[in-house]
Amino acid sequence: MKALLGRKIGMTQIFADTGEVVPVTVIEATPGTVTQIKTCETDGYDAVQVGFEDQKPQRVNKPMTGHFDKDGVTPKKNLVEFKPEEGETYEVGQTISVADFEEGKKLDITGTSKGKGTQGNIKRHGHQRGPMGHGSKHKRLHGALAGASYPGRVFKGNKSPGRMGRDTVTIQNIDLVKVIEERNLLLVKGAVPGGKGSLLNIRYAVKGQDK
C-alpha cells in the first residue's frame, strides 16, 4: 500500500518484448520522506504520512512549521497518507522512492482532470443533437425540462449545461510497465487524469492486484 506523489511528464510509447507497441504515461516521482507515523492511540487510525518536494521555510505557516520541526523534517510542499500493510514498519525520516514499486504490478492513480470550462449538454453529457435542417431552433439545446401544468418545475439532478472537468478522478488497475530508478520515473500503461505537470497520487491497486 505504499504511496508516492508524482508529476505527469507526458505520454510516449515503448516496445514490449513481444514487439507490441505500448502507449505509456511518464510520471516523475521524486523520493518522499516519512514526516509522521499515525497510530490509533494518538490519532485514531494507523497511517504513514509522506512529504514530497522541499518547500522554502518562509513559505510554511506556523502550524506546519511546528509539525515539521517536531520530528526534525525538512518542510515539504505536498503531503499524502497511506495505510501500511500489516507487519510493515516505518520511521520518521525514512525515504520512499520509485525503487519500492515493482514492475508488472497494478496501480491506482488519482489526479485532477483537465478543466473544460462551461460546456453544453452534448459535450458534457453526451446528449444527441436536434434536427440540423434549415429553420431548426433546436440544434444543440437540451430538451424540455419543466413540462406544462404538471410537473411545472425542473427536477433536481437534471443534466444541464455547466462546468465540466476539474474533478478528482481515480483510474484503477493501471499496469506499471517500467521503473527507471536513476531518473525517478514510472512508466504506466495508458492515460492518467490531468495535464502535463499536474500532481498525481500513486499507490498499489486495492482491487484486481495480481498475486
N, C-alpha and C. Protein backbone atom coordinates (compact mmCIF):
# COMPACT_ATOMS: atom_id res chain seq x y z
N MET A 1 0.82 -1.21 0.00
CA MET A 1 0.00 0.00 0.00
C MET A 1 0.85 1.26 0.00
N LYS A 2 2.12 1.16 -0.41
CA LYS A 2 2.98 2.34 -0.46
C LYS A 2 2.38 3.38 -1.40
N ALA A 3 2.67 4.67 -1.10
CA ALA A 3 2.13 5.75 -1.91
C ALA A 3 3.24 6.72 -2.28
N LEU A 4 3.11 7.30 -3.45
CA LEU A 4 4.03 8.31 -3.94
C LEU A 4 3.23 9.44 -4.57
N LEU A 5 3.82 10.62 -4.57
CA LEU A 5 3.29 11.72 -5.35
C LEU A 5 4.22 11.96 -6.52
N GLY A 6 3.65 12.13 -7.69
CA GLY A 6 4.47 12.37 -8.88
C GLY A 6 3.83 13.41 -9.77
N ARG A 7 4.59 13.86 -10.75
CA ARG A 7 4.08 14.83 -11.70
C ARG A 7 4.07 14.21 -13.10
N LYS A 8 2.97 14.45 -13.80
CA LYS A 8 2.81 13.90 -15.14
C LYS A 8 3.73 14.65 -16.11
N ILE A 9 4.60 13.91 -16.79
CA ILE A 9 5.53 14.49 -17.75
C ILE A 9 4.91 14.53 -19.14
N GLY A 10 4.17 13.49 -19.49
CA GLY A 10 3.56 13.40 -20.81
C GLY A 10 3.38 11.95 -21.21
N MET A 11 3.07 11.72 -22.49
CA MET A 11 2.86 10.37 -22.98
C MET A 11 3.85 10.05 -24.10
N THR A 12 4.17 8.78 -24.21
CA THR A 12 5.04 8.30 -25.28
C THR A 12 4.67 6.84 -25.53
N GLN A 13 5.52 6.12 -26.21
CA GLN A 13 5.28 4.70 -26.44
C GLN A 13 6.59 3.94 -26.36
N ILE A 14 6.49 2.70 -25.91
CA ILE A 14 7.66 1.82 -25.85
C ILE A 14 7.29 0.50 -26.50
N PHE A 15 8.30 -0.32 -26.75
CA PHE A 15 8.07 -1.62 -27.36
C PHE A 15 8.22 -2.71 -26.30
N ALA A 16 7.24 -3.59 -26.23
CA ALA A 16 7.31 -4.73 -25.32
C ALA A 16 8.24 -5.79 -25.90
N ASP A 17 8.54 -6.80 -25.08
CA ASP A 17 9.43 -7.87 -25.54
C ASP A 17 8.85 -8.61 -26.74
N THR A 18 7.53 -8.60 -26.87
CA THR A 18 6.88 -9.28 -27.98
C THR A 18 6.88 -8.44 -29.27
N GLY A 19 7.38 -7.19 -29.16
CA GLY A 19 7.36 -6.30 -30.31
C GLY A 19 6.13 -5.43 -30.37
N GLU A 20 5.21 -5.61 -29.43
CA GLU A 20 3.98 -4.82 -29.40
C GLU A 20 4.28 -3.40 -28.92
N VAL A 21 3.63 -2.42 -29.54
CA VAL A 21 3.77 -1.03 -29.13
C VAL A 21 2.83 -0.77 -27.95
N VAL A 22 3.39 -0.24 -26.85
CA VAL A 22 2.62 0.02 -25.64
C VAL A 22 2.60 1.52 -25.38
N PRO A 23 1.41 2.16 -25.38
CA PRO A 23 1.33 3.58 -25.02
C PRO A 23 1.50 3.75 -23.52
N VAL A 24 2.36 4.66 -23.10
CA VAL A 24 2.63 4.82 -21.67
C VAL A 24 2.60 6.30 -21.30
N THR A 25 2.25 6.54 -20.04
CA THR A 25 2.36 7.87 -19.44
C THR A 25 3.62 7.89 -18.59
N VAL A 26 4.42 8.93 -18.75
CA VAL A 26 5.66 9.08 -17.98
C VAL A 26 5.38 9.95 -16.76
N ILE A 27 5.69 9.43 -15.57
CA ILE A 27 5.46 10.14 -14.32
C ILE A 27 6.79 10.29 -13.58
N GLU A 28 7.12 11.52 -13.23
CA GLU A 28 8.32 11.76 -12.43
C GLU A 28 7.93 11.79 -10.96
N ALA A 29 8.43 10.84 -10.20
CA ALA A 29 8.09 10.72 -8.78
C ALA A 29 9.37 10.82 -7.96
N THR A 30 9.66 12.03 -7.48
CA THR A 30 10.86 12.23 -6.67
C THR A 30 10.68 11.51 -5.32
N PRO A 31 11.77 11.09 -4.69
CA PRO A 31 11.66 10.37 -3.41
C PRO A 31 10.92 11.19 -2.36
N GLY A 32 10.11 10.50 -1.57
CA GLY A 32 9.36 11.14 -0.49
C GLY A 32 9.95 10.78 0.85
N THR A 33 9.70 11.63 1.85
CA THR A 33 10.22 11.44 3.20
C THR A 33 9.07 11.23 4.17
N VAL A 34 9.17 10.21 5.00
CA VAL A 34 8.15 9.97 6.02
C VAL A 34 8.21 11.10 7.04
N THR A 35 7.11 11.85 7.19
CA THR A 35 7.08 13.00 8.08
C THR A 35 6.32 12.74 9.38
N GLN A 36 5.50 11.68 9.41
CA GLN A 36 4.75 11.38 10.63
C GLN A 36 4.25 9.95 10.60
N ILE A 37 4.24 9.31 11.76
CA ILE A 37 3.64 7.98 11.91
C ILE A 37 2.40 8.14 12.78
N LYS A 38 1.24 7.87 12.21
CA LYS A 38 -0.02 8.00 12.94
C LYS A 38 -0.46 6.63 13.45
N THR A 39 -0.96 6.60 14.68
CA THR A 39 -1.42 5.36 15.31
C THR A 39 -2.82 5.55 15.88
N CYS A 40 -3.46 4.44 16.17
CA CYS A 40 -4.81 4.50 16.75
C CYS A 40 -4.78 5.18 18.12
N GLU A 41 -3.69 5.01 18.87
CA GLU A 41 -3.60 5.58 20.21
C GLU A 41 -3.53 7.11 20.17
N THR A 42 -2.81 7.66 19.20
CA THR A 42 -2.60 9.11 19.15
C THR A 42 -3.53 9.83 18.19
N ASP A 43 -3.90 9.17 17.07
CA ASP A 43 -4.67 9.86 16.04
C ASP A 43 -6.00 9.19 15.71
N GLY A 44 -6.23 8.00 16.25
CA GLY A 44 -7.48 7.30 16.00
C GLY A 44 -7.44 6.38 14.80
N TYR A 45 -6.33 6.35 14.07
CA TYR A 45 -6.18 5.44 12.94
C TYR A 45 -4.70 5.27 12.64
N ASP A 46 -4.38 4.20 11.93
CA ASP A 46 -2.99 3.92 11.56
C ASP A 46 -2.72 4.45 10.16
N ALA A 47 -1.65 5.21 10.02
CA ALA A 47 -1.29 5.74 8.70
C ALA A 47 0.15 6.21 8.72
N VAL A 48 0.72 6.30 7.53
CA VAL A 48 2.06 6.85 7.35
C VAL A 48 1.92 8.10 6.49
N GLN A 49 2.42 9.22 7.00
CA GLN A 49 2.36 10.48 6.26
C GLN A 49 3.70 10.71 5.56
N VAL A 50 3.64 10.99 4.26
CA VAL A 50 4.85 11.16 3.47
C VAL A 50 4.82 12.53 2.80
N GLY A 51 5.94 13.25 2.84
CA GLY A 51 6.05 14.57 2.23
C GLY A 51 6.91 14.53 0.98
N PHE A 52 6.56 15.38 0.00
CA PHE A 52 7.27 15.43 -1.28
C PHE A 52 7.60 16.87 -1.65
N GLU A 53 8.74 17.05 -2.27
CA GLU A 53 9.21 18.34 -2.78
C GLU A 53 9.46 19.33 -1.65
N ASP A 54 10.72 19.66 -1.45
CA ASP A 54 11.10 20.59 -0.38
C ASP A 54 10.46 21.96 -0.60
N GLN A 55 10.06 22.57 0.52
CA GLN A 55 9.44 23.89 0.49
C GLN A 55 10.33 24.89 1.22
N LYS A 56 10.36 26.14 0.75
CA LYS A 56 11.11 27.18 1.43
C LYS A 56 10.50 27.45 2.80
N PRO A 57 11.31 27.55 3.87
CA PRO A 57 10.76 27.76 5.22
C PRO A 57 9.86 28.98 5.33
N GLN A 58 10.19 30.06 4.59
CA GLN A 58 9.38 31.29 4.69
C GLN A 58 8.00 31.13 4.05
N ARG A 59 7.81 30.05 3.31
CA ARG A 59 6.50 29.81 2.68
C ARG A 59 5.62 28.86 3.50
N VAL A 60 6.10 28.43 4.66
CA VAL A 60 5.35 27.49 5.50
C VAL A 60 4.75 28.25 6.68
N ASN A 61 3.46 28.04 6.94
CA ASN A 61 2.83 28.74 8.06
C ASN A 61 3.28 28.15 9.40
N LYS A 62 2.93 28.81 10.49
CA LYS A 62 3.43 28.42 11.80
C LYS A 62 2.98 27.02 12.23
N PRO A 63 1.69 26.65 12.05
CA PRO A 63 1.30 25.30 12.45
C PRO A 63 2.09 24.20 11.73
N MET A 64 2.28 24.37 10.40
CA MET A 64 3.02 23.35 9.66
C MET A 64 4.51 23.39 9.97
N THR A 65 5.03 24.59 10.28
CA THR A 65 6.43 24.68 10.70
C THR A 65 6.67 23.88 11.96
N GLY A 66 5.74 24.01 12.92
CA GLY A 66 5.84 23.23 14.16
C GLY A 66 5.71 21.74 13.90
N HIS A 67 4.85 21.39 12.95
CA HIS A 67 4.66 19.97 12.61
C HIS A 67 5.95 19.36 12.08
N PHE A 68 6.63 20.07 11.18
CA PHE A 68 7.87 19.55 10.61
C PHE A 68 9.02 19.60 11.62
N ASP A 69 9.08 20.69 12.42
CA ASP A 69 10.17 20.83 13.38
C ASP A 69 10.10 19.78 14.48
N LYS A 70 8.88 19.33 14.78
CA LYS A 70 8.71 18.36 15.87
C LYS A 70 9.54 17.11 15.64
N ASP A 71 9.60 16.66 14.39
CA ASP A 71 10.35 15.44 14.06
C ASP A 71 11.63 15.74 13.29
N GLY A 72 11.98 17.02 13.19
CA GLY A 72 13.23 17.39 12.52
C GLY A 72 13.25 17.08 11.04
N VAL A 73 12.11 17.30 10.36
CA VAL A 73 11.99 17.01 8.93
C VAL A 73 11.98 18.31 8.15
N THR A 74 12.62 18.31 7.00
CA THR A 74 12.61 19.48 6.12
C THR A 74 11.18 19.76 5.65
N PRO A 75 10.73 21.02 5.67
CA PRO A 75 9.36 21.34 5.21
C PRO A 75 9.11 20.85 3.79
N LYS A 76 7.91 20.33 3.56
CA LYS A 76 7.54 19.78 2.25
C LYS A 76 6.35 20.53 1.66
N LYS A 77 6.29 20.54 0.33
CA LYS A 77 5.18 21.20 -0.37
C LYS A 77 3.90 20.38 -0.27
N ASN A 78 4.00 19.07 -0.45
CA ASN A 78 2.82 18.22 -0.56
C ASN A 78 2.92 17.05 0.41
N LEU A 79 1.79 16.70 1.01
CA LEU A 79 1.73 15.58 1.95
C LEU A 79 0.68 14.58 1.47
N VAL A 80 0.95 13.30 1.69
CA VAL A 80 -0.01 12.25 1.37
C VAL A 80 0.10 11.17 2.43
N GLU A 81 -1.02 10.50 2.70
CA GLU A 81 -1.03 9.43 3.69
C GLU A 81 -1.39 8.10 3.04
N PHE A 82 -0.88 7.02 3.59
CA PHE A 82 -1.31 5.69 3.16
C PHE A 82 -1.31 4.78 4.37
N LYS A 83 -2.14 3.76 4.28
CA LYS A 83 -2.26 2.80 5.38
C LYS A 83 -1.24 1.68 5.16
N PRO A 84 -0.33 1.47 6.11
CA PRO A 84 0.69 0.43 5.91
C PRO A 84 0.09 -0.96 6.00
N GLU A 85 0.69 -1.88 5.26
CA GLU A 85 0.25 -3.27 5.35
C GLU A 85 0.65 -3.85 6.70
N GLU A 86 -0.08 -4.85 7.11
CA GLU A 86 0.18 -5.45 8.42
C GLU A 86 1.60 -6.02 8.46
N GLY A 87 2.32 -5.65 9.50
CA GLY A 87 3.69 -6.13 9.67
C GLY A 87 4.74 -5.18 9.16
N GLU A 88 4.34 -4.19 8.33
CA GLU A 88 5.30 -3.21 7.82
C GLU A 88 5.55 -2.13 8.86
N THR A 89 6.80 -1.71 8.99
CA THR A 89 7.16 -0.66 9.94
C THR A 89 7.90 0.44 9.20
N TYR A 90 7.66 1.67 9.63
CA TYR A 90 8.30 2.84 9.04
C TYR A 90 8.84 3.73 10.15
N GLU A 91 9.80 4.57 9.81
CA GLU A 91 10.37 5.52 10.75
C GLU A 91 10.35 6.91 10.13
N VAL A 92 10.20 7.92 10.99
CA VAL A 92 10.23 9.30 10.51
C VAL A 92 11.60 9.59 9.89
N GLY A 93 11.60 10.19 8.72
CA GLY A 93 12.84 10.46 8.01
C GLY A 93 13.18 9.41 6.97
N GLN A 94 12.46 8.28 6.99
CA GLN A 94 12.71 7.23 6.00
C GLN A 94 12.29 7.70 4.62
N THR A 95 13.00 7.24 3.60
CA THR A 95 12.73 7.65 2.21
C THR A 95 11.96 6.56 1.47
N ILE A 96 10.94 6.99 0.71
CA ILE A 96 10.18 6.10 -0.16
C ILE A 96 10.36 6.61 -1.58
N SER A 97 10.77 5.73 -2.50
CA SER A 97 11.06 6.14 -3.87
C SER A 97 10.46 5.16 -4.86
N VAL A 98 10.70 5.40 -6.14
CA VAL A 98 10.18 4.51 -7.18
C VAL A 98 10.78 3.11 -7.06
N ALA A 99 11.93 2.99 -6.39
CA ALA A 99 12.57 1.69 -6.22
C ALA A 99 11.71 0.75 -5.38
N ASP A 100 10.77 1.30 -4.60
CA ASP A 100 9.89 0.48 -3.77
C ASP A 100 8.71 -0.09 -4.56
N PHE A 101 8.58 0.29 -5.83
CA PHE A 101 7.49 -0.20 -6.66
C PHE A 101 8.03 -1.24 -7.64
N GLU A 102 7.24 -2.28 -7.85
CA GLU A 102 7.67 -3.43 -8.64
C GLU A 102 7.00 -3.42 -10.01
N GLU A 103 7.80 -3.60 -11.05
CA GLU A 103 7.26 -3.66 -12.41
C GLU A 103 6.30 -4.83 -12.55
N GLY A 104 5.24 -4.61 -13.32
CA GLY A 104 4.25 -5.66 -13.53
C GLY A 104 3.07 -5.58 -12.57
N LYS A 105 3.21 -4.79 -11.49
CA LYS A 105 2.12 -4.63 -10.54
C LYS A 105 1.09 -3.65 -11.10
N LYS A 106 -0.07 -3.62 -10.47
CA LYS A 106 -1.13 -2.70 -10.87
C LYS A 106 -1.21 -1.54 -9.88
N LEU A 107 -1.53 -0.35 -10.41
CA LEU A 107 -1.58 0.86 -9.59
C LEU A 107 -2.95 1.51 -9.67
N ASP A 108 -3.28 2.24 -8.61
CA ASP A 108 -4.41 3.17 -8.62
C ASP A 108 -3.82 4.58 -8.63
N ILE A 109 -4.18 5.38 -9.62
CA ILE A 109 -3.62 6.72 -9.76
C ILE A 109 -4.75 7.74 -9.70
N THR A 110 -4.60 8.72 -8.79
CA THR A 110 -5.60 9.76 -8.60
C THR A 110 -5.02 11.10 -9.02
N GLY A 111 -5.79 11.84 -9.81
CA GLY A 111 -5.36 13.16 -10.25
C GLY A 111 -6.57 14.05 -10.47
N THR A 112 -6.31 15.28 -10.87
CA THR A 112 -7.37 16.25 -11.18
C THR A 112 -7.50 16.37 -12.69
N SER A 113 -8.68 16.08 -13.19
CA SER A 113 -8.89 16.08 -14.63
C SER A 113 -8.79 17.49 -15.20
N LYS A 114 -8.55 17.57 -16.50
CA LYS A 114 -8.43 18.88 -17.16
C LYS A 114 -9.76 19.63 -17.09
N GLY A 115 -9.70 20.92 -16.79
CA GLY A 115 -10.90 21.74 -16.77
C GLY A 115 -11.30 22.14 -18.19
N LYS A 116 -12.58 21.99 -18.51
CA LYS A 116 -13.10 22.33 -19.84
C LYS A 116 -13.93 23.61 -19.84
N GLY A 117 -14.12 24.22 -18.67
CA GLY A 117 -14.97 25.40 -18.59
C GLY A 117 -16.44 25.04 -18.69
N THR A 118 -17.27 26.01 -19.02
CA THR A 118 -18.71 25.79 -19.16
C THR A 118 -18.99 25.14 -20.51
N GLN A 119 -19.67 24.02 -20.49
CA GLN A 119 -19.98 23.28 -21.71
C GLN A 119 -21.46 22.95 -21.76
N GLY A 120 -21.94 22.66 -22.97
CA GLY A 120 -23.34 22.32 -23.15
C GLY A 120 -23.62 20.85 -22.92
N ASN A 121 -24.88 20.47 -23.12
CA ASN A 121 -25.29 19.09 -22.85
C ASN A 121 -24.60 18.07 -23.73
N ILE A 122 -24.36 18.41 -24.99
CA ILE A 122 -23.81 17.43 -25.92
C ILE A 122 -22.39 17.04 -25.51
N LYS A 123 -21.56 18.02 -25.22
CA LYS A 123 -20.18 17.71 -24.84
C LYS A 123 -20.10 17.21 -23.40
N ARG A 124 -20.90 17.78 -22.52
CA ARG A 124 -20.79 17.45 -21.09
C ARG A 124 -21.42 16.11 -20.75
N HIS A 125 -22.55 15.79 -21.37
CA HIS A 125 -23.29 14.58 -21.01
C HIS A 125 -23.49 13.61 -22.17
N GLY A 126 -23.04 13.97 -23.38
CA GLY A 126 -23.18 13.06 -24.50
C GLY A 126 -24.56 12.99 -25.09
N HIS A 127 -25.39 14.03 -24.90
CA HIS A 127 -26.73 14.03 -25.47
C HIS A 127 -26.68 14.14 -27.00
N GLN A 128 -27.75 13.68 -27.65
CA GLN A 128 -27.84 13.80 -29.11
C GLN A 128 -28.31 15.20 -29.49
N ARG A 129 -27.92 15.63 -30.67
CA ARG A 129 -28.34 16.94 -31.15
C ARG A 129 -29.74 16.86 -31.75
N GLY A 130 -30.34 18.01 -31.98
CA GLY A 130 -31.64 18.08 -32.62
C GLY A 130 -31.50 18.12 -34.13
N PRO A 131 -32.61 18.32 -34.85
CA PRO A 131 -32.56 18.38 -36.32
C PRO A 131 -31.65 19.53 -36.77
N MET A 132 -30.86 19.26 -37.81
CA MET A 132 -29.92 20.27 -38.30
C MET A 132 -30.43 20.97 -39.57
N GLY A 133 -31.68 20.74 -39.91
CA GLY A 133 -32.23 21.35 -41.11
C GLY A 133 -32.40 22.86 -40.96
N HIS A 134 -32.54 23.52 -42.13
CA HIS A 134 -32.73 24.97 -42.12
C HIS A 134 -34.02 25.32 -41.40
N GLY A 135 -33.94 26.24 -40.45
CA GLY A 135 -35.11 26.65 -39.69
C GLY A 135 -35.24 25.94 -38.35
N SER A 136 -34.41 24.93 -38.12
CA SER A 136 -34.48 24.25 -36.83
C SER A 136 -34.00 25.17 -35.72
N LYS A 137 -34.74 25.22 -34.64
CA LYS A 137 -34.36 26.04 -33.49
C LYS A 137 -33.89 25.18 -32.31
N HIS A 138 -33.57 23.94 -32.62
CA HIS A 138 -33.20 23.03 -31.53
C HIS A 138 -32.01 22.17 -31.97
N LYS A 139 -30.92 22.81 -32.40
CA LYS A 139 -29.80 22.07 -32.92
C LYS A 139 -28.92 21.46 -31.83
N ARG A 140 -28.55 22.26 -30.83
CA ARG A 140 -27.68 21.75 -29.78
C ARG A 140 -28.20 22.11 -28.39
N LEU A 141 -29.47 22.40 -28.28
CA LEU A 141 -30.07 22.76 -26.99
C LEU A 141 -30.57 21.50 -26.29
N HIS A 142 -30.75 21.59 -24.97
CA HIS A 142 -31.35 20.47 -24.23
C HIS A 142 -32.85 20.47 -24.48
N GLY A 143 -33.48 19.36 -24.17
CA GLY A 143 -34.91 19.21 -24.44
C GLY A 143 -35.76 19.89 -23.39
N ALA A 144 -37.06 19.59 -23.41
CA ALA A 144 -37.98 20.17 -22.46
C ALA A 144 -37.62 19.73 -21.05
N LEU A 145 -37.71 20.65 -20.10
CA LEU A 145 -37.29 20.36 -18.73
C LEU A 145 -38.46 20.37 -17.74
N ALA A 146 -39.41 21.31 -17.91
CA ALA A 146 -40.39 21.51 -16.84
C ALA A 146 -41.79 20.99 -17.18
N GLY A 147 -42.06 20.70 -18.44
CA GLY A 147 -43.43 20.29 -18.76
C GLY A 147 -44.37 21.48 -18.72
N ALA A 148 -45.66 21.20 -18.68
CA ALA A 148 -46.66 22.28 -18.66
C ALA A 148 -47.22 22.42 -17.25
N SER A 149 -48.51 22.13 -17.06
CA SER A 149 -49.10 22.30 -15.73
C SER A 149 -48.54 21.28 -14.74
N TYR A 150 -48.15 20.12 -15.26
CA TYR A 150 -47.51 19.13 -14.38
C TYR A 150 -46.26 18.60 -15.06
N PRO A 151 -45.11 18.53 -14.40
CA PRO A 151 -44.92 18.96 -13.00
C PRO A 151 -44.75 20.45 -12.84
N GLY A 152 -44.54 21.17 -13.97
CA GLY A 152 -44.46 22.63 -13.85
C GLY A 152 -43.21 23.13 -13.16
N ARG A 153 -42.20 22.29 -13.05
CA ARG A 153 -40.95 22.72 -12.42
C ARG A 153 -39.82 21.82 -12.93
N VAL A 154 -38.61 22.23 -12.71
CA VAL A 154 -37.45 21.46 -13.13
C VAL A 154 -36.99 20.60 -11.96
N PHE A 155 -36.92 19.29 -12.18
CA PHE A 155 -36.49 18.40 -11.11
C PHE A 155 -35.00 18.57 -10.83
N LYS A 156 -34.64 18.36 -9.60
CA LYS A 156 -33.23 18.41 -9.22
C LYS A 156 -32.47 17.27 -9.90
N GLY A 157 -31.21 17.53 -10.21
CA GLY A 157 -30.36 16.48 -10.79
C GLY A 157 -30.44 16.36 -12.30
N ASN A 158 -31.21 17.24 -12.95
CA ASN A 158 -31.27 17.19 -14.42
C ASN A 158 -29.90 17.48 -15.02
N LYS A 159 -29.58 16.79 -16.08
CA LYS A 159 -28.30 17.00 -16.75
C LYS A 159 -28.41 18.25 -17.62
N SER A 160 -27.73 19.29 -17.17
CA SER A 160 -27.83 20.58 -17.83
C SER A 160 -26.45 21.10 -18.18
N PRO A 161 -26.36 22.17 -18.97
CA PRO A 161 -25.06 22.78 -19.23
C PRO A 161 -24.43 23.26 -17.93
N GLY A 162 -23.09 23.31 -17.90
CA GLY A 162 -22.41 23.77 -16.69
C GLY A 162 -20.93 23.48 -16.76
N ARG A 163 -20.28 23.66 -15.62
CA ARG A 163 -18.83 23.48 -15.55
C ARG A 163 -18.48 22.02 -15.77
N MET A 164 -17.47 21.80 -16.59
CA MET A 164 -17.06 20.43 -16.93
C MET A 164 -15.58 20.26 -16.63
N GLY A 165 -15.23 19.13 -16.06
CA GLY A 165 -13.84 18.83 -15.75
C GLY A 165 -13.42 19.39 -14.41
N ARG A 166 -12.10 19.39 -14.16
CA ARG A 166 -11.52 19.87 -12.91
C ARG A 166 -12.07 19.06 -11.73
N ASP A 167 -12.20 17.75 -11.92
CA ASP A 167 -12.70 16.85 -10.88
C ASP A 167 -11.58 15.91 -10.44
N THR A 168 -11.70 15.42 -9.22
CA THR A 168 -10.76 14.40 -8.74
C THR A 168 -11.16 13.06 -9.32
N VAL A 169 -10.26 12.44 -10.07
CA VAL A 169 -10.56 11.21 -10.78
C VAL A 169 -9.52 10.15 -10.40
N THR A 170 -9.97 8.94 -10.15
CA THR A 170 -9.07 7.82 -9.86
C THR A 170 -9.20 6.77 -10.96
N ILE A 171 -8.07 6.42 -11.57
CA ILE A 171 -8.02 5.35 -12.56
C ILE A 171 -7.45 4.12 -11.86
N GLN A 172 -8.21 3.03 -11.89
CA GLN A 172 -7.83 1.83 -11.15
C GLN A 172 -7.15 0.80 -12.05
N ASN A 173 -6.28 0.02 -11.41
CA ASN A 173 -5.67 -1.16 -12.04
C ASN A 173 -4.88 -0.82 -13.31
N ILE A 174 -4.05 0.22 -13.22
CA ILE A 174 -3.17 0.57 -14.33
C ILE A 174 -1.88 -0.24 -14.20
N ASP A 175 -1.42 -0.82 -15.30
CA ASP A 175 -0.21 -1.64 -15.28
C ASP A 175 1.03 -0.76 -15.17
N LEU A 176 1.90 -1.10 -14.24
CA LEU A 176 3.20 -0.44 -14.13
C LEU A 176 4.16 -1.14 -15.08
N VAL A 177 4.47 -0.51 -16.20
CA VAL A 177 5.24 -1.14 -17.26
C VAL A 177 6.73 -1.13 -16.97
N LYS A 178 7.24 0.01 -16.50
CA LYS A 178 8.68 0.13 -16.32
C LYS A 178 9.00 1.12 -15.21
N VAL A 179 10.06 0.83 -14.46
CA VAL A 179 10.58 1.71 -13.41
C VAL A 179 12.01 2.10 -13.79
N ILE A 180 12.28 3.40 -13.86
CA ILE A 180 13.62 3.90 -14.16
C ILE A 180 14.12 4.60 -12.90
N GLU A 181 14.85 3.86 -12.06
CA GLU A 181 15.23 4.36 -10.74
C GLU A 181 16.13 5.58 -10.82
N GLU A 182 17.13 5.55 -11.71
CA GLU A 182 18.12 6.62 -11.74
C GLU A 182 17.53 7.97 -12.12
N ARG A 183 16.35 7.96 -12.74
CA ARG A 183 15.70 9.22 -13.14
C ARG A 183 14.38 9.43 -12.41
N ASN A 184 14.07 8.56 -11.44
CA ASN A 184 12.83 8.66 -10.64
C ASN A 184 11.59 8.69 -11.53
N LEU A 185 11.55 7.78 -12.51
CA LEU A 185 10.44 7.75 -13.45
C LEU A 185 9.66 6.46 -13.33
N LEU A 186 8.34 6.59 -13.50
CA LEU A 186 7.44 5.45 -13.61
C LEU A 186 6.76 5.53 -14.97
N LEU A 187 6.70 4.42 -15.69
CA LEU A 187 6.00 4.35 -16.96
C LEU A 187 4.79 3.44 -16.77
N VAL A 188 3.59 4.01 -16.90
CA VAL A 188 2.37 3.25 -16.69
C VAL A 188 1.61 3.17 -18.01
N LYS A 189 0.91 2.06 -18.21
CA LYS A 189 0.21 1.82 -19.47
C LYS A 189 -1.04 2.69 -19.57
N GLY A 190 -1.17 3.39 -20.69
CA GLY A 190 -2.38 4.16 -20.93
C GLY A 190 -2.31 5.57 -20.37
N ALA A 191 -3.46 6.23 -20.34
CA ALA A 191 -3.56 7.63 -19.93
C ALA A 191 -3.96 7.74 -18.46
N VAL A 192 -3.60 8.86 -17.86
CA VAL A 192 -3.98 9.16 -16.48
C VAL A 192 -4.60 10.56 -16.45
N PRO A 193 -5.35 10.90 -15.39
CA PRO A 193 -6.03 12.21 -15.35
C PRO A 193 -5.03 13.37 -15.29
N GLY A 194 -5.45 14.52 -15.80
CA GLY A 194 -4.68 15.74 -15.64
C GLY A 194 -3.82 16.08 -16.83
N GLY A 195 -3.32 17.33 -16.82
CA GLY A 195 -2.44 17.80 -17.87
C GLY A 195 -0.99 17.62 -17.48
N LYS A 196 -0.10 18.06 -18.36
CA LYS A 196 1.33 17.96 -18.09
C LYS A 196 1.69 18.81 -16.88
N GLY A 197 2.48 18.22 -15.98
CA GLY A 197 2.89 18.93 -14.78
C GLY A 197 1.93 18.81 -13.61
N SER A 198 0.78 18.16 -13.82
CA SER A 198 -0.19 18.02 -12.73
C SER A 198 0.26 16.97 -11.73
N LEU A 199 -0.22 17.10 -10.51
CA LEU A 199 0.18 16.23 -9.41
C LEU A 199 -0.67 14.97 -9.40
N LEU A 200 -0.01 13.82 -9.18
CA LEU A 200 -0.69 12.53 -9.18
C LEU A 200 -0.38 11.78 -7.89
N ASN A 201 -1.41 11.15 -7.34
CA ASN A 201 -1.24 10.28 -6.16
C ASN A 201 -1.17 8.84 -6.66
N ILE A 202 -0.04 8.19 -6.42
CA ILE A 202 0.22 6.86 -6.98
C ILE A 202 0.32 5.85 -5.84
N ARG A 203 -0.42 4.75 -5.96
CA ARG A 203 -0.34 3.71 -4.94
C ARG A 203 -0.68 2.36 -5.57
N TYR A 204 -0.31 1.28 -4.87
CA TYR A 204 -0.65 -0.04 -5.35
C TYR A 204 -2.17 -0.19 -5.40
N ALA A 205 -2.66 -0.92 -6.40
CA ALA A 205 -4.10 -1.11 -6.58
C ALA A 205 -4.71 -1.86 -5.40
N VAL A 206 -5.89 -1.44 -5.01
CA VAL A 206 -6.61 -2.09 -3.92
C VAL A 206 -7.35 -3.32 -4.44
N LYS A 207 -7.91 -3.21 -5.65
CA LYS A 207 -8.67 -4.29 -6.25
C LYS A 207 -7.97 -4.76 -7.52
N GLY A 208 -8.07 -6.03 -7.85
CA GLY A 208 -7.56 -6.53 -9.10
C GLY A 208 -6.06 -6.72 -9.14
N GLN A 209 -5.41 -6.67 -7.99
CA GLN A 209 -3.95 -6.85 -7.97
C GLN A 209 -3.59 -8.32 -8.19
N ASP A 210 -2.69 -8.55 -9.13
CA ASP A 210 -2.23 -9.91 -9.37
C ASP A 210 -1.34 -10.34 -8.21
N LYS A 211 -1.61 -11.51 -7.68
CA LYS A 211 -0.82 -12.00 -6.54
C LYS A 211 0.53 -12.52 -7.02
